[in-house]
Amino acid sequence: MGEVRAEVGRVMSLLAALACLVMAHLSGSRETLHLAITVVVIPLGCIWYGYEIGSFVGMSANEEGGAGKVAGALITVAGWAILIAMLAMIGFFAFGRPH
Protein backbone atom coordinates (compact mmCIF):
# COMPACT_ATOMS: atom_id res chain seq x y z
CA MET A 1 0.00 0.00 0.00
CA GLY A 2 2.90 2.37 0.73
CA GLU A 3 4.34 1.87 -2.75
CA VAL A 4 1.02 2.73 -4.39
CA ARG A 5 0.74 5.86 -2.27
CA ALA A 6 4.28 6.87 -3.21
CA GLU A 7 3.57 6.38 -6.91
CA VAL A 8 0.35 8.39 -6.70
CA GLY A 9 2.28 11.16 -4.92
CA ARG A 10 4.93 11.11 -7.62
CA VAL A 11 2.37 11.34 -10.41
CA MET A 12 0.50 14.16 -8.68
CA SER A 13 3.71 16.08 -8.03
CA LEU A 14 4.76 15.64 -11.65
CA LEU A 15 1.38 16.98 -12.81
CA ALA A 16 1.74 19.98 -10.47
CA ALA A 17 5.26 20.62 -11.77
CA LEU A 18 4.03 20.42 -15.36
CA ALA A 19 1.23 22.86 -14.49
CA CYS A 20 3.89 25.26 -13.16
CA LEU A 21 5.85 24.96 -16.39
CA VAL A 22 2.77 25.39 -18.61
CA MET A 23 1.64 28.48 -16.69
CA ALA A 24 5.15 29.91 -16.86
CA HIS A 25 5.22 29.29 -20.60
CA LEU A 26 1.80 30.87 -21.08
CA SER A 27 2.92 33.97 -19.20
CA GLY A 28 5.09 34.82 -22.19
CA SER A 29 8.09 35.63 -20.05
CA ARG A 30 11.25 33.66 -20.70
CA GLU A 31 12.63 34.59 -17.30
CA THR A 32 9.59 33.11 -15.59
CA LEU A 33 9.90 29.91 -17.59
CA HIS A 34 13.62 29.56 -16.87
CA LEU A 35 13.05 30.22 -13.18
CA ALA A 36 10.23 27.66 -13.06
CA ILE A 37 12.37 25.02 -14.76
CA THR A 38 15.22 25.66 -12.35
CA VAL A 39 13.21 25.84 -9.15
CA VAL A 40 10.74 23.00 -9.75
CA VAL A 41 13.50 20.37 -9.73
CA ILE A 42 14.26 20.66 -5.99
CA PRO A 43 10.71 20.07 -4.71
CA LEU A 44 10.30 17.12 -7.08
CA GLY A 45 13.47 15.58 -5.67
CA CYS A 46 12.22 16.13 -2.13
CA ILE A 47 8.83 14.59 -2.90
CA TRP A 48 10.13 11.64 -4.90
CA TYR A 49 13.13 10.80 -2.71
CA GLY A 50 12.24 12.33 0.68
CA TYR A 51 12.46 9.08 2.59
CA GLU A 52 15.79 8.20 1.02
CA ILE A 53 17.14 11.65 1.88
CA GLY A 54 15.73 11.31 5.40
CA SER A 55 17.59 8.05 5.91
CA PHE A 56 20.87 10.00 5.91
CA VAL A 57 20.22 11.50 9.34
CA GLY A 58 23.03 9.53 10.94
CA MET A 59 24.08 6.18 12.32
CA SER A 60 22.36 6.57 15.68
CA ALA A 61 19.03 7.41 14.06
CA ASN A 62 19.15 4.29 11.93
CA GLU A 63 19.63 2.19 15.06
CA GLU A 64 16.56 3.72 16.68
CA GLY A 65 14.51 3.10 13.55
CA GLY A 66 12.05 6.00 13.60
CA ALA A 67 14.04 9.16 13.04
CA GLY A 68 14.76 8.43 9.38
CA LYS A 69 11.07 7.99 8.61
CA VAL A 70 10.12 11.19 10.43
CA ALA A 71 12.85 13.16 8.65
CA GLY A 72 11.77 11.68 5.32
CA ALA A 73 8.16 12.64 5.93
CA LEU A 74 9.20 16.19 6.83
CA ILE A 75 11.31 16.45 3.67
CA THR A 76 8.40 15.21 1.56
CA VAL A 77 5.99 17.70 3.18
CA ALA A 78 8.49 20.51 2.62
CA GLY A 79 8.76 19.52 -1.03
CA TRP A 80 4.98 19.68 -1.41
CA ALA A 81 4.86 23.07 0.33
CA ILE A 82 7.51 24.50 -1.99
CA LEU A 83 5.84 23.05 -5.09
CA ILE A 84 2.41 24.42 -4.15
CA ALA A 85 3.93 27.80 -3.32
CA MET A 86 5.66 27.82 -6.72
CA LEU A 87 2.38 26.96 -8.42
CA ALA A 88 0.64 29.84 -6.64
CA MET A 89 3.43 32.34 -7.34
CA ILE A 90 3.70 31.46 -11.02
CA GLY A 91 -0.08 31.59 -11.34
CA PHE A 92 -0.09 35.03 -9.75
CA PHE A 93 2.74 36.37 -11.90
CA ALA A 94 1.39 34.81 -15.09
CA PHE A 95 -2.30 35.68 -14.73
CA GLY A 96 -2.79 37.87 -11.66
CA ARG A 97 -1.12 41.04 -12.88
CA PRO A 98 -2.58 43.37 -15.47
CA HIS A 99 -0.40 43.39 -18.59
C-alpha atoms as a PDB file:
ATOM      1  CA  MET A   1       0.000   0.000   0.000  1.00  0.00           C
ATOM      2  CA  GLY A   2       2.895   2.368   0.734  1.00  0.00           C
ATOM      3  CA  GLU A   3       4.344   1.866  -2.754  1.00  0.00           C
ATOM      4  CA  VAL A   4       1.020   2.732  -4.394  1.00  0.00           C
ATOM      5  CA  ARG A   5       0.735   5.863  -2.266  1.00  0.00           C
ATOM      6  CA  ALA A   6       4.279   6.868  -3.211  1.00  0.00           C
ATOM      7  CA  GLU A   7       3.569   6.377  -6.914  1.00  0.00           C
ATOM      8  CA  VAL A   8       0.350   8.395  -6.697  1.00  0.00           C
ATOM      9  CA  GLY A   9       2.275  11.162  -4.924  1.00  0.00           C
ATOM     10  CA  ARG A  10       4.930  11.114  -7.623  1.00  0.00           C
ATOM     11  CA  VAL A  11       2.373  11.337 -10.415  1.00  0.00           C
ATOM     12  CA  MET A  12       0.498  14.158  -8.679  1.00  0.00           C
ATOM     13  CA  SER A  13       3.706  16.084  -8.027  1.00  0.00           C
ATOM     14  CA  LEU A  14       4.758  15.644 -11.652  1.00  0.00           C
ATOM     15  CA  LEU A  15       1.382  16.984 -12.805  1.00  0.00           C
ATOM     16  CA  ALA A  16       1.741  19.981 -10.471  1.00  0.00           C
ATOM     17  CA  ALA A  17       5.264  20.618 -11.768  1.00  0.00           C
ATOM     18  CA  LEU A  18       4.029  20.417 -15.357  1.00  0.00           C
ATOM     19  CA  ALA A  19       1.228  22.856 -14.486  1.00  0.00           C
ATOM     20  CA  CYS A  20       3.891  25.259 -13.164  1.00  0.00           C
ATOM     21  CA  LEU A  21       5.848  24.958 -16.389  1.00  0.00           C
ATOM     22  CA  VAL A  22       2.769  25.390 -18.612  1.00  0.00           C
ATOM     23  CA  MET A  23       1.643  28.481 -16.694  1.00  0.00           C
ATOM     24  CA  ALA A  24       5.154  29.907 -16.860  1.00  0.00           C
ATOM     25  CA  HIS A  25       5.222  29.288 -20.602  1.00  0.00           C
ATOM     26  CA  LEU A  26       1.797  30.868 -21.083  1.00  0.00           C
ATOM     27  CA  SER A  27       2.917  33.968 -19.204  1.00  0.00           C
ATOM     28  CA  GLY A  28       5.088  34.823 -22.185  1.00  0.00           C
ATOM     29  CA  SER A  29       8.094  35.631 -20.049  1.00  0.00           C
ATOM     30  CA  ARG A  30      11.253  33.657 -20.700  1.00  0.00           C
ATOM     31  CA  GLU A  31      12.634  34.588 -17.304  1.00  0.00           C
ATOM     32  CA  THR A  32       9.588  33.109 -15.587  1.00  0.00           C
ATOM     33  CA  LEU A  33       9.899  29.907 -17.595  1.00  0.00           C
ATOM     34  CA  HIS A  34      13.622  29.556 -16.869  1.00  0.00           C
ATOM     35  CA  LEU A  35      13.052  30.220 -13.183  1.00  0.00           C
ATOM     36  CA  ALA A  36      10.235  27.663 -13.061  1.00  0.00           C
ATOM     37  CA  ILE A  37      12.373  25.020 -14.757  1.00  0.00           C
ATOM     38  CA  THR A  38      15.219  25.663 -12.354  1.00  0.00           C
ATOM     39  CA  VAL A  39      13.214  25.844  -9.150  1.00  0.00           C
ATOM     40  CA  VAL A  40      10.738  22.998  -9.750  1.00  0.00           C
ATOM     41  CA  VAL A  41      13.502  20.367  -9.726  1.00  0.00           C
ATOM     42  CA  ILE A  42      14.260  20.665  -5.989  1.00  0.00           C
ATOM     43  CA  PRO A  43      10.710  20.074  -4.714  1.00  0.00           C
ATOM     44  CA  LEU A  44      10.302  17.124  -7.079  1.00  0.00           C
ATOM     45  CA  GLY A  45      13.467  15.583  -5.670  1.00  0.00           C
ATOM     46  CA  CYS A  46      12.223  16.126  -2.127  1.00  0.00           C
ATOM     47  CA  ILE A  47       8.831  14.590  -2.903  1.00  0.00           C
ATOM     48  CA  TRP A  48      10.130  11.643  -4.903  1.00  0.00           C
ATOM     49  CA  TYR A  49      13.132  10.800  -2.713  1.00  0.00           C
ATOM     50  CA  GLY A  50      12.235  12.335   0.678  1.00  0.00           C
ATOM     51  CA  TYR A  51      12.457   9.081   2.594  1.00  0.00           C
ATOM     52  CA  GLU A  52      15.786   8.204   1.020  1.00  0.00           C
ATOM     53  CA  ILE A  53      17.142  11.654   1.884  1.00  0.00           C
ATOM     54  CA  GLY A  54      15.731  11.308   5.398  1.00  0.00           C
ATOM     55  CA  SER A  55      17.591   8.051   5.915  1.00  0.00           C
ATOM     56  CA  PHE A  56      20.867  10.002   5.910  1.00  0.00           C
ATOM     57  CA  VAL A  57      20.219  11.499   9.339  1.00  0.00           C
ATOM     58  CA  GLY A  58      23.031   9.535  10.944  1.00  0.00           C
ATOM     59  CA  MET A  59      24.078   6.179  12.320  1.00  0.00           C
ATOM     60  CA  SER A  60      22.359   6.568  15.683  1.00  0.00           C
ATOM     61  CA  ALA A  61      19.034   7.413  14.062  1.00  0.00           C
ATOM     62  CA  ASN A  62      19.148   4.288  11.932  1.00  0.00           C
ATOM     63  CA  GLU A  63      19.626   2.187  15.063  1.00  0.00           C
ATOM     64  CA  GLU A  64      16.556   3.722  16.679  1.00  0.00           C
ATOM     65  CA  GLY A  65      14.506   3.099  13.549  1.00  0.00           C
ATOM     66  CA  GLY A  66      12.049   5.995  13.599  1.00  0.00           C
ATOM     67  CA  ALA A  67      14.044   9.161  13.044  1.00  0.00           C
ATOM     68  CA  GLY A  68      14.760   8.431   9.383  1.00  0.00           C
ATOM     69  CA  LYS A  69      11.065   7.990   8.612  1.00  0.00           C
ATOM     70  CA  VAL A  70      10.124  11.189  10.426  1.00  0.00           C
ATOM     71  CA  ALA A  71      12.851  13.158   8.650  1.00  0.00           C
ATOM     72  CA  GLY A  72      11.768  11.676   5.315  1.00  0.00           C
ATOM     73  CA  ALA A  73       8.157  12.637   5.929  1.00  0.00           C
ATOM     74  CA  LEU A  74       9.198  16.190   6.826  1.00  0.00           C
ATOM     75  CA  ILE A  75      11.311  16.453   3.675  1.00  0.00           C
ATOM     76  CA  THR A  76       8.400  15.214   1.565  1.00  0.00           C
ATOM     77  CA  VAL A  77       5.987  17.697   3.177  1.00  0.00           C
ATOM     78  CA  ALA A  78       8.491  20.510   2.623  1.00  0.00           C
ATOM     79  CA  GLY A  79       8.761  19.524  -1.034  1.00  0.00           C
ATOM     80  CA  TRP A  80       4.982  19.683  -1.415  1.00  0.00           C
ATOM     81  CA  ALA A  81       4.862  23.070   0.332  1.00  0.00           C
ATOM     82  CA  ILE A  82       7.513  24.503  -1.992  1.00  0.00           C
ATOM     83  CA  LEU A  83       5.839  23.049  -5.086  1.00  0.00           C
ATOM     84  CA  ILE A  84       2.413  24.416  -4.151  1.00  0.00           C
ATOM     85  CA  ALA A  85       3.928  27.804  -3.324  1.00  0.00           C
ATOM     86  CA  MET A  86       5.664  27.818  -6.717  1.00  0.00           C
ATOM     87  CA  LEU A  87       2.384  26.963  -8.422  1.00  0.00           C
ATOM     88  CA  ALA A  88       0.642  29.837  -6.636  1.00  0.00           C
ATOM     89  CA  MET A  89       3.431  32.340  -7.345  1.00  0.00           C
ATOM     90  CA  ILE A  90       3.701  31.456 -11.019  1.00  0.00           C
ATOM     91  CA  GLY A  91      -0.078  31.586 -11.340  1.00  0.00           C
ATOM     92  CA  PHE A  92      -0.092  35.034  -9.752  1.00  0.00           C
ATOM     93  CA  PHE A  93       2.737  36.372 -11.900  1.00  0.00           C
ATOM     94  CA  ALA A  94       1.387  34.807 -15.090  1.00  0.00           C
ATOM     95  CA  PHE A  95      -2.299  35.675 -14.725  1.00  0.00           C
ATOM     96  CA  GLY A  96      -2.787  37.874 -11.658  1.00  0.00           C
ATOM     97  CA  ARG A  97      -1.116  41.042 -12.884  1.00  0.00           C
ATOM     98  CA  PRO A  98      -2.581  43.368 -15.472  1.00  0.00           C
ATOM     99  CA  HIS A  99      -0.398  43.386 -18.587  1.00  0.00           C
END
